[in-house]
């Protein structure tokens, strides 16, 4: 970029907001419903928790590392475009895995068309077969799928038919219960993802791993394949957020307008609005589709197609995204400095610990709330609108932040936000109908919106001039991903052992106990004020335009006097 090139700040902020809107819309079309699709693949809560926890761990490490590498080699735009294109393709590989249990999907579907068309054809084909001949593999597979889908289908047997050989599948004259059991075993045998020649004893390297995977149970096969695919997807999609954010920040920094990108809530607000549109629109779309959009493709796969379609729409926007490179900045040094600043402030450490527990509770709710809603009869429409209401409630908090700040300090707001989230998670264990979770989403305005507003104030208090963005990333990205990873692992195993309801109650109990002890810990931790002289200088420049008195412009003496009074107050507390 040329140094004499004029930067249009308003255009850059508009493009950044639109880009963030599309990215949030694409992610929300898929991510909230991802664990629900894992349930259709036959994964247990523990398996789903391991997959999501691994996803967050990869994002925790790979997001900052990929951003540093893209900056070092000056390949930010290449990394952004490659991340968008590859993530849209890799995520579709999940659809190649056949579902192990479609009962969850069929609860929300109308089975009249499926039974009248597919099952009638397959049963007629089975009845029309001559008694002396055996069924072909295609007919046997169709009848097997029909039996597995309905779980209650009764096949009329022919007593005159002879017992089939082991090479020709199941016997038609077995009793009904035996037919269901045999067909289920056939489905488990058919759900094999690898050819039989991989079972050779002399296979080595990758073939040895695939041979061992072939010998596993169908559920374990699905788990390992989903874990590999989701990990690969996160590896290609994680670099997008940090790399684009760094490029936009450096671009605005050349025009001395980076504070408008970091300090304002316009970009975050557009992200929340895009997420609400994505999750609500995808839920509404899927709910109005038939059980299978195409043969053997369930309607829940539309979430993946929506993600890929929006990624294709994001790609041309990313090509015109204004990016720059500031070689004078040392990102790694700034992150280390942010950690030192947080470590040196007791209140910042308490806020960091609260953020970790907050992430654990958020991950438990995000991973398994839709499972509980599905058990209560909720459809994709109920789920999408419920989650969209929570996001819209979060977007409304900046408009009432000034009034709340007059009533609650940042420390109290942090405690109140975490406590309200604990009550929300506890409420999720008492759902009684499809719309029962909707009233609790209104509280997300204070539980999530108020919590992150308090974290933002804490970042401004602890950060030195120029380190605000690094400290904010430490809380919002690193701490949140680490907490979500621990919460996914713990919540998955807890839900697998004691059930979804008690996992919600256990997570809520841990968070509410921490909120009860947090005010006492904050009283013991002294508050440290850091004077941001750059902001005082900017405020002084604006005041100088209105008044010319030397007394009003003498901000440095006032700042030094406040600094001396804070130091004396700290010494009295220490003594």
Protein backbone atom coordinates (compact mmCIF):
# COMPACT_ATOMS: atom_id res chain seq x y z
CA UNK A 1 0.00 0.00 0.00
CA UNK A 2 1.23 3.50 -0.79
CA UNK A 3 1.64 5.91 2.08
CA UNK A 4 0.12 8.78 0.10
CA UNK A 5 -3.06 6.87 -0.67
CA UNK A 6 -6.11 8.39 0.94
CA UNK A 7 -8.14 6.05 3.16
CA UNK A 8 -11.91 6.30 3.18
CA UNK A 9 -12.67 5.47 6.80
CA UNK A 10 -16.45 5.39 6.41
CA UNK A 11 -16.24 3.03 3.44
CA UNK A 12 -13.81 0.76 5.29
CA UNK A 13 -16.09 0.54 8.32
CA UNK A 14 -19.08 -0.18 6.08
CA UNK A 15 -17.27 -2.98 4.25
CA UNK A 16 -16.04 -4.41 7.56
CA UNK A 17 -19.55 -4.39 8.98
CA UNK A 18 -21.01 -6.08 5.90
CA UNK A 19 -18.22 -8.67 5.88
CA UNK A 20 -18.78 -9.43 9.56
CA UNK A 21 -22.54 -9.64 8.94
CA UNK A 22 -22.09 -12.29 6.24
CA UNK A 23 -19.53 -14.28 8.21
CA UNK A 24 -21.73 -14.35 11.31
CA UNK A 25 -24.75 -15.27 9.19
CA UNK A 26 -22.89 -18.20 7.61
CA UNK A 27 -21.58 -19.51 10.93
CA UNK A 28 -24.96 -19.28 12.65
CA UNK A 29 -26.62 -21.23 9.84
CA UNK A 30 -24.61 -24.29 10.84
CA UNK A 31 -22.83 -24.07 14.20
CA UNK A 32 -25.92 -23.99 16.50
CA UNK A 33 -27.32 -27.07 14.73
CA UNK A 34 -24.03 -28.95 14.40
CA UNK A 35 -24.35 -31.05 17.56
CA UNK A 36 -27.94 -31.82 16.62
CA UNK A 37 -26.64 -33.38 13.41
CA UNK A 38 -24.08 -35.31 15.45
CA UNK A 39 -27.01 -36.80 17.33
CA UNK A 40 -28.48 -38.07 14.07
CA UNK A 41 -25.15 -39.68 13.24
CA UNK A 42 -25.46 -41.70 16.45
CA UNK A 43 -22.93 -39.84 18.59
CA UNK A 44 -23.42 -39.86 22.34
CA UNK A 45 -23.24 -36.62 24.39
CA UNK A 46 -19.69 -37.53 25.46
CA UNK A 47 -18.63 -37.98 21.83
CA UNK A 48 -20.26 -34.73 20.77
CA UNK A 49 -18.56 -32.94 23.67
CA UNK A 50 -15.15 -34.31 22.66
CA UNK A 51 -15.65 -33.16 19.07
CA UNK A 52 -16.70 -29.64 20.08
CA UNK A 53 -14.00 -29.40 22.75
CA UNK A 54 -11.35 -30.36 20.22
CA UNK A 55 -12.74 -27.75 17.84
CA UNK A 56 -12.34 -25.01 20.45
CA UNK A 57 -8.82 -26.16 21.35
CA UNK A 58 -7.77 -25.96 17.70
CA UNK A 59 -9.22 -22.45 17.46
CA UNK A 60 -7.42 -21.47 20.68
CA UNK A 61 -4.01 -22.35 19.25
CA UNK A 62 -4.41 -21.92 15.51
CA UNK A 63 -6.18 -18.52 15.39
CA UNK A 64 -3.27 -16.45 16.77
CA UNK A 65 -0.62 -18.63 15.16
CA UNK A 66 -2.13 -18.44 11.67
CA UNK A 67 -2.55 -14.68 12.04
CA UNK A 68 1.13 -14.29 12.91
CA UNK A 69 2.19 -16.45 9.96
CA UNK A 70 -0.04 -14.56 7.52
CA UNK A 71 1.40 -11.27 8.74
CA UNK A 72 4.99 -12.51 8.66
CA UNK A 73 4.78 -13.67 5.04
CA UNK A 74 2.43 -10.83 4.00
CA UNK A 75 -0.21 -13.30 2.73
CA UNK A 76 -3.29 -12.05 4.54
CA UNK A 77 -5.59 -11.82 1.54
CA UNK A 78 -4.46 -15.22 0.27
CA UNK A 79 -5.11 -16.78 3.68
CA UNK A 80 -8.56 -15.18 3.91
CA UNK A 81 -9.67 -16.31 0.45
CA UNK A 82 -8.26 -19.81 0.92
CA UNK A 83 -9.93 -20.13 4.32
CA UNK A 84 -13.34 -19.18 2.97
CA UNK A 85 -13.17 -21.45 -0.09
CA UNK A 86 -11.72 -24.49 1.67
CA UNK A 87 -14.06 -24.31 4.66
CA UNK A 88 -17.08 -24.28 2.33
CA UNK A 89 -15.87 -27.51 0.72
CA UNK A 90 -14.50 -29.39 3.72
CA UNK A 91 -17.68 -29.03 5.77
CA UNK A 92 -19.69 -30.86 3.10
CA UNK A 93 -17.69 -34.04 3.72
CA UNK A 94 -19.75 -34.60 6.88
CA UNK A 95 -22.78 -35.25 4.68
CA UNK A 96 -21.09 -38.35 3.25
CA UNK A 97 -21.55 -40.11 6.60
CA UNK A 98 -24.90 -41.92 6.76
CA UNK A 99 -27.01 -41.32 9.88
CA UNK A 100 -27.08 -44.12 12.43
CA UNK A 101 -30.45 -43.20 13.92
CA UNK A 102 -33.00 -41.15 12.05
CA UNK A 103 -35.63 -41.29 14.80
CA UNK A 104 -34.64 -37.86 16.06
CA UNK A 105 -35.09 -36.38 12.62
CA UNK A 106 -38.39 -38.16 12.05
CA UNK A 107 -39.90 -36.72 15.23
CA UNK A 108 -40.06 -33.34 13.53
CA UNK A 109 -41.03 -34.62 10.10
CA UNK A 110 -44.32 -35.59 8.58
CA UNK A 111 -44.00 -39.28 7.78
CA UNK A 112 -47.13 -39.55 5.65
CA UNK A 113 -45.36 -38.90 2.34
CA UNK A 114 -42.46 -41.14 3.20
CA UNK A 115 -44.61 -44.06 4.25
CA UNK A 116 -47.03 -43.76 1.35
CA UNK A 117 -44.33 -43.55 -1.29
CA UNK A 118 -41.09 -45.16 -0.25
CA UNK A 119 -42.35 -47.85 2.12
CA UNK A 120 -45.26 -48.88 -0.06
CA UNK A 121 -42.99 -49.37 -3.06
CA UNK A 122 -40.46 -51.41 -1.14
CA UNK A 123 -43.03 -53.65 0.55
CA UNK A 124 -44.80 -54.29 -2.76
CA UNK A 125 -41.49 -55.20 -4.33
CA UNK A 126 -40.81 -57.66 -1.53
CA UNK A 127 -44.27 -59.21 -1.76
CA UNK A 128 -44.09 -59.55 -5.55
CA UNK A 129 -40.91 -61.62 -5.44
CA UNK A 130 -41.43 -65.31 -6.33
CA UNK A 131 -41.29 -67.71 -3.36
CA UNK A 132 -38.50 -69.76 -4.87
CA UNK A 133 -36.21 -66.82 -5.56
CA UNK A 134 -34.26 -64.70 -3.15
CA UNK A 135 -34.28 -60.92 -2.99
CA UNK A 136 -31.68 -58.98 -4.93
CA UNK A 137 -29.17 -56.87 -3.00
CA UNK A 138 -30.93 -53.67 -4.13
CA UNK A 139 -34.33 -54.86 -2.89
CA UNK A 140 -32.84 -56.17 0.33
CA UNK A 141 -31.18 -52.80 0.99
CA UNK A 142 -34.42 -50.93 0.30
CA UNK A 143 -36.47 -53.15 2.63
CA UNK A 144 -33.76 -52.97 5.28
CA UNK A 145 -33.80 -49.17 5.17
CA UNK A 146 -37.58 -49.12 5.37
CA UNK A 147 -37.55 -51.37 8.43
CA UNK A 148 -34.89 -49.24 10.08
CA UNK A 149 -36.72 -45.96 9.40
CA UNK A 150 -40.09 -46.98 10.79
CA UNK A 151 -38.91 -49.25 13.65
CA UNK A 152 -42.43 -50.66 13.74
CA UNK A 153 -42.83 -52.05 10.25
CA UNK A 154 -44.25 -55.59 10.09
CA UNK A 155 -43.24 -57.74 7.16
CA UNK A 156 -45.50 -60.56 6.19
CA UNK A 157 -43.49 -63.70 5.73
CA UNK A 158 -44.17 -66.58 3.33
CA UNK A 159 -44.09 -69.98 5.06
CA UNK A 160 -43.28 -71.79 1.85
CA UNK A 161 -40.00 -69.92 1.32
CA UNK A 162 -36.80 -71.80 2.08
CA UNK A 163 -33.95 -70.60 4.31
CA UNK A 164 -31.44 -68.50 2.41
CA UNK A 165 -27.76 -69.17 2.28
CA UNK A 166 -25.35 -66.85 4.09
CA UNK A 167 -24.52 -65.19 0.80
CA UNK A 168 -28.06 -63.93 0.15
CA UNK A 169 -28.97 -61.84 3.22
CA UNK A 170 -31.88 -62.33 5.60
CA UNK A 171 -34.63 -64.97 5.40
CA UNK A 172 -38.15 -63.76 4.62
CA UNK A 173 -39.94 -66.34 6.83
CA UNK A 174 -38.37 -65.20 10.12
CA UNK A 175 -40.82 -63.85 12.73
CA UNK A 176 -41.41 -60.10 12.91
CA UNK A 177 -39.23 -59.42 15.95
CA UNK A 178 -36.39 -61.38 14.41
CA UNK A 179 -36.77 -59.47 11.16
CA UNK A 180 -36.38 -56.15 12.95
CA UNK A 181 -33.32 -57.38 14.83
CA UNK A 182 -31.75 -58.86 11.72
CA UNK A 183 -32.43 -55.75 9.66
CA UNK A 184 -30.82 -53.55 12.31
CA UNK A 185 -27.75 -55.76 12.28
CA UNK A 186 -27.68 -55.55 8.50
CA UNK A 187 -27.80 -51.76 8.75
CA UNK A 188 -24.83 -51.82 11.09
CA UNK A 189 -22.97 -54.02 8.65
CA UNK A 190 -23.88 -51.80 5.71
CA UNK A 191 -22.67 -48.67 7.54
CA UNK A 192 -19.11 -49.47 6.64
CA UNK A 193 -17.01 -46.67 5.21
CA UNK A 194 -14.03 -48.70 3.99
CA UNK A 195 -13.50 -51.64 1.61
CA UNK A 196 -12.83 -55.07 3.02
CA UNK A 197 -9.35 -55.28 1.53
CA UNK A 198 -8.14 -52.84 4.20
CA UNK A 199 -8.40 -55.61 6.79
CA UNK A 200 -5.23 -57.27 5.61
CA UNK A 201 -2.92 -58.25 8.42
CA UNK A 202 0.15 -56.85 6.72
CA UNK A 203 -1.29 -53.32 6.29
CA UNK A 204 0.99 -50.63 7.62
CA UNK A 205 0.89 -46.86 8.08
CA UNK A 206 -2.38 -45.15 7.11
CA UNK A 207 -3.82 -48.44 5.84
CA UNK A 208 -3.21 -49.99 9.25
CA UNK A 209 -5.16 -47.18 10.89
CA UNK A 210 -8.00 -47.55 8.39
CA UNK A 211 -8.04 -51.31 8.93
CA UNK A 212 -8.39 -50.81 12.68
CA UNK A 213 -11.10 -48.23 12.08
CA UNK A 214 -12.93 -50.71 9.85
CA UNK A 215 -13.05 -53.27 12.64
CA UNK A 216 -14.64 -50.79 15.07
CA UNK A 217 -18.30 -50.49 15.83
CA UNK A 218 -20.37 -48.25 13.55
CA UNK A 219 -20.79 -45.66 16.30
CA UNK A 220 -17.05 -45.50 16.95
CA UNK A 221 -16.40 -45.22 13.22
CA UNK A 222 -18.76 -42.27 13.00
CA UNK A 223 -17.13 -40.62 16.00
CA UNK A 224 -13.58 -40.83 14.68
CA UNK A 225 -14.57 -39.74 11.18
CA UNK A 226 -16.56 -36.78 12.50
CA UNK A 227 -13.66 -35.81 14.76
CA UNK A 228 -11.23 -35.86 11.82
CA UNK A 229 -13.54 -33.91 9.51
CA UNK A 230 -14.46 -31.26 12.10
CA UNK A 231 -10.80 -30.83 13.07
CA UNK A 232 -9.85 -30.34 9.42
CA UNK A 233 -12.71 -27.89 8.99
CA UNK A 234 -11.59 -25.85 12.00
CA UNK A 235 -8.01 -25.82 10.76
CA UNK A 236 -9.05 -24.21 7.47
CA UNK A 237 -11.72 -21.87 8.87
CA UNK A 238 -10.02 -20.61 12.06
CA UNK A 239 -7.51 -18.25 10.33
CA UNK A 240 -10.30 -16.14 8.84
CA UNK A 241 -11.41 -14.10 11.87
CA UNK A 242 -8.07 -12.96 13.28
CA UNK A 243 -6.39 -12.43 9.90
CA UNK A 244 -9.20 -10.24 8.56
CA UNK A 245 -9.47 -8.36 11.85
CA UNK A 246 -5.72 -7.61 11.92
CA UNK A 247 -5.71 -6.45 8.31
CA UNK A 248 -8.65 -4.09 8.83
CA UNK A 249 -7.17 -2.71 12.04
CA UNK A 250 -3.81 -2.01 10.41
CA UNK A 251 -5.53 -0.40 7.44
CA UNK A 252 -7.43 2.02 9.66
CA UNK A 253 -4.37 2.60 11.80
CA UNK A 254 -2.67 4.32 8.88
CA UNK A 255 -5.45 6.92 9.00
CA UNK A 256 -5.32 7.13 12.81
CA UNK A 257 -8.87 5.77 12.90
CA UNK A 258 -8.25 2.38 14.47
CA UNK A 259 -10.00 3.51 17.65
CA UNK A 260 -13.23 3.81 15.65
CA UNK A 261 -12.89 0.15 14.68
CA UNK A 262 -11.90 -1.13 18.12
CA UNK A 263 -13.75 1.26 20.40
CA UNK A 264 -17.12 1.35 18.65
CA UNK A 265 -19.66 -1.45 18.79
CA UNK A 266 -20.77 -1.15 15.16
CA UNK A 267 -18.87 -4.20 13.95
CA UNK A 268 -20.01 -6.33 16.88
CA UNK A 269 -23.58 -5.16 16.46
CA UNK A 270 -23.63 -6.14 12.79
CA UNK A 271 -22.20 -9.52 13.74
CA UNK A 272 -25.02 -10.18 16.21
CA UNK A 273 -27.62 -9.07 13.68
CA UNK A 274 -26.15 -11.37 11.03
CA UNK A 275 -26.10 -14.29 13.46
CA UNK A 276 -29.76 -13.71 14.32
CA UNK A 277 -30.71 -13.62 10.64
CA UNK A 278 -28.71 -16.75 9.90
CA UNK A 279 -30.01 -18.95 12.70
CA UNK A 280 -33.60 -17.78 12.36
CA UNK A 281 -33.64 -17.95 8.56
CA UNK A 282 -32.06 -21.39 8.36
CA UNK A 283 -34.45 -22.77 10.98
CA UNK A 284 -37.43 -21.35 9.11
CA UNK A 285 -36.18 -22.74 5.80
CA UNK A 286 -35.48 -26.25 7.07
CA UNK A 287 -38.79 -26.43 8.90
CA UNK A 288 -40.73 -25.88 5.67
CA UNK A 289 -38.91 -28.61 3.74
CA UNK A 290 -39.84 -32.24 3.40
CA UNK A 291 -38.06 -34.91 5.41
CA UNK A 292 -35.67 -35.55 2.52
CA UNK A 293 -34.79 -32.75 0.12
CA UNK A 294 -33.20 -35.28 -2.22
CA UNK A 295 -33.17 -39.05 -2.02
CA UNK A 296 -31.19 -40.20 1.03
CA UNK A 297 -30.31 -36.58 1.96
CA UNK A 298 -32.17 -35.43 5.10
CA UNK A 299 -33.42 -31.90 5.36
CA UNK A 300 -30.99 -31.15 8.20
CA UNK A 301 -28.24 -31.19 5.56
CA UNK A 302 -29.61 -27.86 4.31
CA UNK A 303 -27.70 -26.17 7.16
CA UNK A 304 -24.44 -27.30 5.56
CA UNK A 305 -25.57 -26.16 2.12
CA UNK A 306 -26.55 -22.74 3.50
CA UNK A 307 -23.12 -22.38 5.07
CA UNK A 308 -21.36 -23.23 1.81
CA UNK A 309 -23.65 -20.93 -0.21
CA UNK A 310 -23.01 -17.98 2.08
CA UNK A 311 -19.28 -18.72 2.03
CA UNK A 312 -19.41 -18.45 -1.75
CA UNK A 313 -21.14 -15.08 -1.30
CA UNK A 314 -18.48 -13.91 1.18
CA UNK A 315 -15.61 -14.71 -1.18
CA UNK A 316 -16.11 -11.75 -3.59
CA UNK A 317 -16.57 -9.40 -0.63
CA UNK A 318 -13.30 -10.63 0.86
CA UNK A 319 -11.49 -9.86 -2.39
CA UNK A 320 -12.35 -6.17 -2.01
CA UNK A 321 -11.74 -6.07 1.73
CA UNK A 322 -9.31 -3.19 2.52
CA UNK A 323 -6.24 -4.73 4.15
CA UNK A 324 -2.85 -3.33 5.10
CA UNK A 325 0.28 -4.48 6.86
CA UNK A 326 1.92 -2.56 9.67
CA UNK A 327 5.44 -3.98 9.90
CA UNK A 328 6.26 -1.91 12.97
CA UNK A 329 3.81 -3.80 15.17
CA UNK A 330 4.98 -6.82 17.13
CA UNK A 331 1.86 -8.88 17.69
CA UNK A 332 3.50 -11.58 19.78
CA UNK A 333 5.08 -9.02 22.07
CA UNK A 334 1.74 -7.28 22.51
CA UNK A 335 0.00 -10.51 23.51
CA UNK A 336 2.71 -11.29 26.05
CA UNK A 337 2.39 -7.78 27.41
CA UNK A 338 -1.38 -8.22 27.69
CA UNK A 339 -0.86 -11.37 29.75
CA UNK A 340 1.53 -9.50 32.03
CA UNK A 341 -0.98 -6.70 32.51
CA UNK A 342 -3.74 -9.13 33.42
CA UNK A 343 -1.45 -11.08 35.73
CA UNK A 344 -0.47 -7.90 37.57
CA UNK A 345 -4.06 -6.92 38.41
CA UNK A 346 -5.98 -9.06 40.94
CA UNK A 347 -9.32 -7.83 39.65
CA UNK A 348 -8.31 -8.69 36.09
CA UNK A 349 -7.39 -12.22 37.22
CA UNK A 350 -10.81 -12.59 38.84
CA UNK A 351 -12.44 -11.38 35.65
CA UNK A 352 -10.39 -13.91 33.68
CA UNK A 353 -11.48 -16.77 35.94
CA UNK A 354 -15.10 -15.65 35.65
CA UNK A 355 -14.75 -15.61 31.86
CA UNK A 356 -13.48 -19.20 31.89
CA UNK A 357 -16.48 -20.38 33.92
CA UNK A 358 -18.76 -18.28 31.73
CA UNK A 359 -17.39 -20.04 28.65
CA UNK A 360 -17.99 -23.44 30.24
CA UNK A 361 -21.64 -22.62 30.89
CA UNK A 362 -22.10 -21.12 27.42
CA UNK A 363 -20.65 -24.20 25.72
CA UNK A 364 -22.90 -26.57 27.67
CA UNK A 365 -25.97 -24.59 26.66
CA UNK A 366 -24.88 -24.22 23.04
CA UNK A 367 -24.04 -27.91 22.63
CA UNK A 368 -27.06 -29.55 24.26
CA UNK A 369 -29.91 -27.04 24.49
CA UNK A 370 -31.26 -28.11 21.11
CA UNK A 371 -31.08 -31.76 22.19
CA UNK A 372 -33.38 -30.99 25.12
CA UNK A 373 -35.66 -28.87 22.93
CA UNK A 374 -35.91 -31.72 20.44
CA UNK A 375 -36.89 -34.09 23.24
CA UNK A 376 -39.69 -31.66 24.13
CA UNK A 377 -41.07 -31.69 20.59
CA UNK A 378 -39.41 -28.56 19.20
CA UNK A 379 -38.90 -28.29 15.46
CA UNK A 380 -36.23 -26.39 13.54
CA UNK A 381 -38.52 -23.37 13.53
CA UNK A 382 -38.77 -23.30 17.33
CA UNK A 383 -35.02 -23.73 17.69
CA UNK A 384 -34.09 -21.08 15.15
CA UNK A 385 -36.43 -18.41 16.48
CA UNK A 386 -35.44 -19.15 20.08
CA UNK A 387 -31.75 -18.69 19.36
CA UNK A 388 -32.43 -15.62 17.21
CA UNK A 389 -34.31 -14.02 20.11
CA UNK A 390 -31.27 -14.46 22.35
CA UNK A 391 -28.97 -12.80 19.79
CA UNK A 392 -31.34 -9.87 19.27
CA UNK A 393 -31.54 -9.41 23.04
CA UNK A 394 -27.74 -9.20 23.19
CA UNK A 395 -27.73 -6.60 20.42
CA UNK A 396 -30.13 -4.42 22.43
CA UNK A 397 -27.86 -4.06 25.45
CA UNK A 398 -25.61 -1.23 24.10
CA UNK A 399 -28.68 0.99 23.91
CA UNK A 400 -29.33 0.60 27.64
CA UNK A 401 -25.71 0.34 28.82
CA UNK A 402 -25.60 3.97 30.02
CA UNK A 403 -28.55 3.52 32.35
CA UNK A 404 -27.28 0.22 33.70
CA UNK A 405 -23.83 1.71 34.34
CA UNK A 406 -25.38 4.31 36.63
CA UNK A 407 -26.84 1.53 38.78
CA UNK A 408 -24.12 -1.11 38.66
CA UNK A 409 -20.35 -0.87 38.56
CA UNK A 410 -18.34 -3.04 36.20
CA UNK A 411 -17.55 -5.57 38.93
CA UNK A 412 -21.18 -5.90 40.00
CA UNK A 413 -22.34 -6.08 36.39
CA UNK A 414 -19.87 -8.91 35.80
CA UNK A 415 -21.30 -10.83 38.75
CA UNK A 416 -24.92 -10.14 37.78
CA UNK A 417 -24.36 -11.22 34.18
CA UNK A 418 -22.77 -14.53 35.18
CA UNK A 419 -25.51 -15.16 37.77
CA UNK A 420 -28.27 -14.56 35.21
CA UNK A 421 -26.57 -17.00 32.83
CA UNK A 422 -26.52 -19.60 35.62
CA UNK A 423 -30.27 -19.09 36.10
CA UNK A 424 -30.80 -19.48 32.35
CA UNK A 425 -28.92 -22.78 32.23
CA UNK A 426 -30.80 -23.98 35.30
CA UNK A 427 -34.09 -23.04 33.61
CA UNK A 428 -33.18 -25.18 30.60
CA UNK A 429 -33.48 -28.29 32.77
CA UNK A 430 -37.22 -27.63 33.30
CA UNK A 431 -38.47 -27.25 29.74
CA UNK A 432 -41.98 -28.55 29.18
CA UNK A 433 -42.87 -27.68 25.57
CA UNK A 434 -41.58 -26.54 22.18
CA UNK A 435 -41.60 -22.82 23.07
CA UNK A 436 -40.60 -23.20 26.72
CA UNK A 437 -37.01 -22.00 26.17
CA UNK A 438 -38.07 -18.73 24.51
CA UNK A 439 -38.81 -16.66 27.68
CA UNK A 440 -35.33 -17.35 29.07
CA UNK A 441 -33.66 -15.97 25.93
CA UNK A 442 -34.76 -12.44 26.81
CA UNK A 443 -32.39 -12.57 29.78
CA UNK A 444 -29.47 -12.90 27.34
CA UNK A 445 -29.55 -9.12 27.11
CA UNK A 446 -27.97 -8.96 30.59
CA UNK A 447 -26.40 -12.42 30.89
CA UNK A 448 -24.31 -12.24 27.70
CA UNK A 449 -24.57 -8.61 26.59
CA UNK A 450 -24.07 -7.17 30.07
CA UNK A 451 -21.29 -9.61 30.87
CA UNK A 452 -19.19 -8.70 27.84
CA UNK A 453 -19.82 -5.03 28.44
CA UNK A 454 -18.36 -5.43 31.94
CA UNK A 455 -15.38 -7.32 30.48
CA UNK A 456 -14.83 -4.46 28.04
CA UNK A 457 -14.72 -1.96 30.90
CA UNK A 458 -12.28 -4.20 32.76
CA UNK A 459 -10.04 -4.31 29.67
CA UNK A 460 -9.98 -0.51 29.48
CA UNK A 461 -9.06 -0.26 33.14
CA UNK A 462 -6.15 -2.68 33.05
CA UNK A 463 -4.72 -1.93 29.60
CA UNK A 464 -2.02 0.62 28.87
CA UNK A 465 -2.27 2.89 25.80
CA UNK A 466 -2.05 0.72 22.69
CA UNK A 467 -2.69 -2.58 24.51
CA UNK A 468 -6.49 -2.39 24.73
CA UNK A 469 -7.03 -4.62 21.71
CA UNK A 470 -4.61 -7.30 22.91
CA UNK A 471 -6.17 -7.42 26.38
CA UNK A 472 -9.64 -7.60 24.87
CA UNK A 473 -8.57 -10.52 22.68
CA UNK A 474 -7.14 -12.28 25.70
CA UNK A 475 -10.57 -12.24 27.32
CA UNK A 476 -12.91 -12.62 24.37
CA UNK A 477 -10.96 -15.16 22.33
CA UNK A 478 -8.37 -17.05 24.32
CA UNK A 479 -10.24 -17.28 27.64
CA UNK A 480 -13.59 -17.94 25.98
CA UNK A 481 -12.23 -20.70 23.72
CA UNK A 482 -10.43 -22.32 26.64
CA UNK A 483 -13.54 -22.19 28.80
CA UNK A 484 -15.73 -23.52 25.98
CA UNK A 485 -13.29 -26.38 25.44
CA UNK A 486 -13.36 -27.41 29.10
CA UNK A 487 -17.12 -26.96 29.19
CA UNK A 488 -17.63 -29.15 26.13
CA UNK A 489 -15.53 -31.98 27.57
CA UNK A 490 -17.05 -31.76 31.05
CA UNK A 491 -20.62 -31.12 29.87
CA UNK A 492 -20.50 -34.00 27.41
CA UNK A 493 -19.28 -36.55 29.93
CA UNK A 494 -21.69 -35.26 32.57
CA UNK A 495 -24.64 -35.48 30.17
CA UNK A 496 -23.57 -38.99 29.17
CA UNK A 497 -23.43 -40.16 32.80
CA UNK A 498 -26.36 -38.41 34.47
CA UNK A 499 -28.38 -37.01 31.55
CA UNK A 500 -28.92 -33.61 29.99
CA UNK A 501 -31.09 -32.22 32.77
CA UNK A 502 -28.60 -32.83 35.56
CA UNK A 503 -25.72 -31.59 33.42
CA UNK A 504 -27.51 -28.25 33.08
CA UNK A 505 -28.14 -28.15 36.82
CA UNK A 506 -24.56 -29.08 37.68
CA UNK A 507 -23.06 -26.37 35.47
CA UNK A 508 -25.51 -23.80 36.82
CA UNK A 509 -24.67 -24.76 40.41
CA UNK A 510 -20.92 -24.32 39.85
CA UNK A 511 -21.41 -20.92 38.24
CA UNK A 512 -23.82 -19.64 40.90
CA UNK A 513 -21.43 -20.66 43.69
CA UNK A 514 -18.65 -18.72 42.01
CA UNK A 515 -20.91 -15.69 41.61
CA UNK A 516 -21.76 -15.85 45.31
CA UNK A 517 -18.08 -15.72 46.28
CA UNK A 518 -16.97 -13.24 43.60
CA UNK A 519 -18.07 -10.02 45.41
CA UNK A 520 -16.06 -10.96 48.52
CA UNK A 521 -13.00 -11.70 46.39
CA UNK A 522 -13.38 -8.37 44.60
CA UNK A 523 -13.41 -6.54 47.93
CA UNK A 524 -10.10 -8.13 48.85
CA UNK A 525 -8.55 -7.22 45.50
CA UNK A 526 -7.49 -3.54 45.29
CA UNK A 527 -8.62 -1.57 42.27
CA UNK A 528 -5.82 -0.23 40.08
CA UNK A 529 -6.49 2.78 37.88
CA UNK A 530 -4.33 3.39 34.85
CA UNK A 531 -4.35 6.83 33.29
CA UNK A 532 -4.68 6.76 29.53
CA UNK A 533 -2.82 9.94 28.58
CA UNK A 534 -3.65 9.61 24.89
CA UNK A 535 -7.36 9.78 25.69
CA UNK A 536 -6.79 12.73 28.00
CA UNK A 537 -4.91 14.46 25.21
CA UNK A 538 -7.77 13.85 22.79
CA UNK A 539 -10.28 15.11 25.34
CA UNK A 540 -8.10 18.16 25.98
CA UNK A 541 -7.98 18.96 22.27
CA UNK A 542 -11.76 18.98 22.08
CA UNK A 543 -12.03 21.13 25.20
CA UNK A 544 -9.42 23.58 23.89
CA UNK A 545 -11.61 24.31 20.88
CA UNK A 546 -14.40 25.49 23.19
CA UNK A 547 -12.43 27.27 25.89
CA UNK A 548 -9.08 29.02 25.82
CA UNK A 549 -8.33 29.14 29.52
CA UNK A 550 -5.01 27.72 30.63
CA UNK A 551 -6.58 26.17 33.68
CA UNK A 552 -8.87 23.90 31.66
CA UNK A 553 -6.05 22.85 29.31
CA UNK A 554 -3.74 21.84 32.11
CA UNK A 555 -4.77 18.19 32.04
CA UNK A 556 -1.33 16.85 32.83
CA UNK A 557 -1.25 18.42 36.28
CA UNK A 558 -4.68 17.02 37.02
CA UNK A 559 -3.68 13.56 35.82
CA UNK A 560 -0.53 13.55 37.92
CA UNK A 561 -2.48 14.68 40.96
CA UNK A 562 -4.98 11.84 40.46
CA UNK A 563 -2.11 9.41 40.04
CA UNK A 564 -0.48 10.53 43.31
CA UNK A 565 -3.79 10.21 45.17
CA UNK A 566 -4.33 6.68 43.82
CA UNK A 567 -0.82 5.65 44.88
CA UNK A 568 -1.32 7.02 48.38
CA UNK A 569 -4.63 5.19 48.62
CA UNK A 570 -2.93 1.97 47.55
CA UNK A 571 -0.21 2.38 50.18
CA UNK A 572 -2.80 2.86 52.94
CA UNK A 573 -4.59 -0.32 51.86
CA UNK A 574 -1.36 -2.32 51.82
CA UNK A 575 -0.43 -1.09 55.34
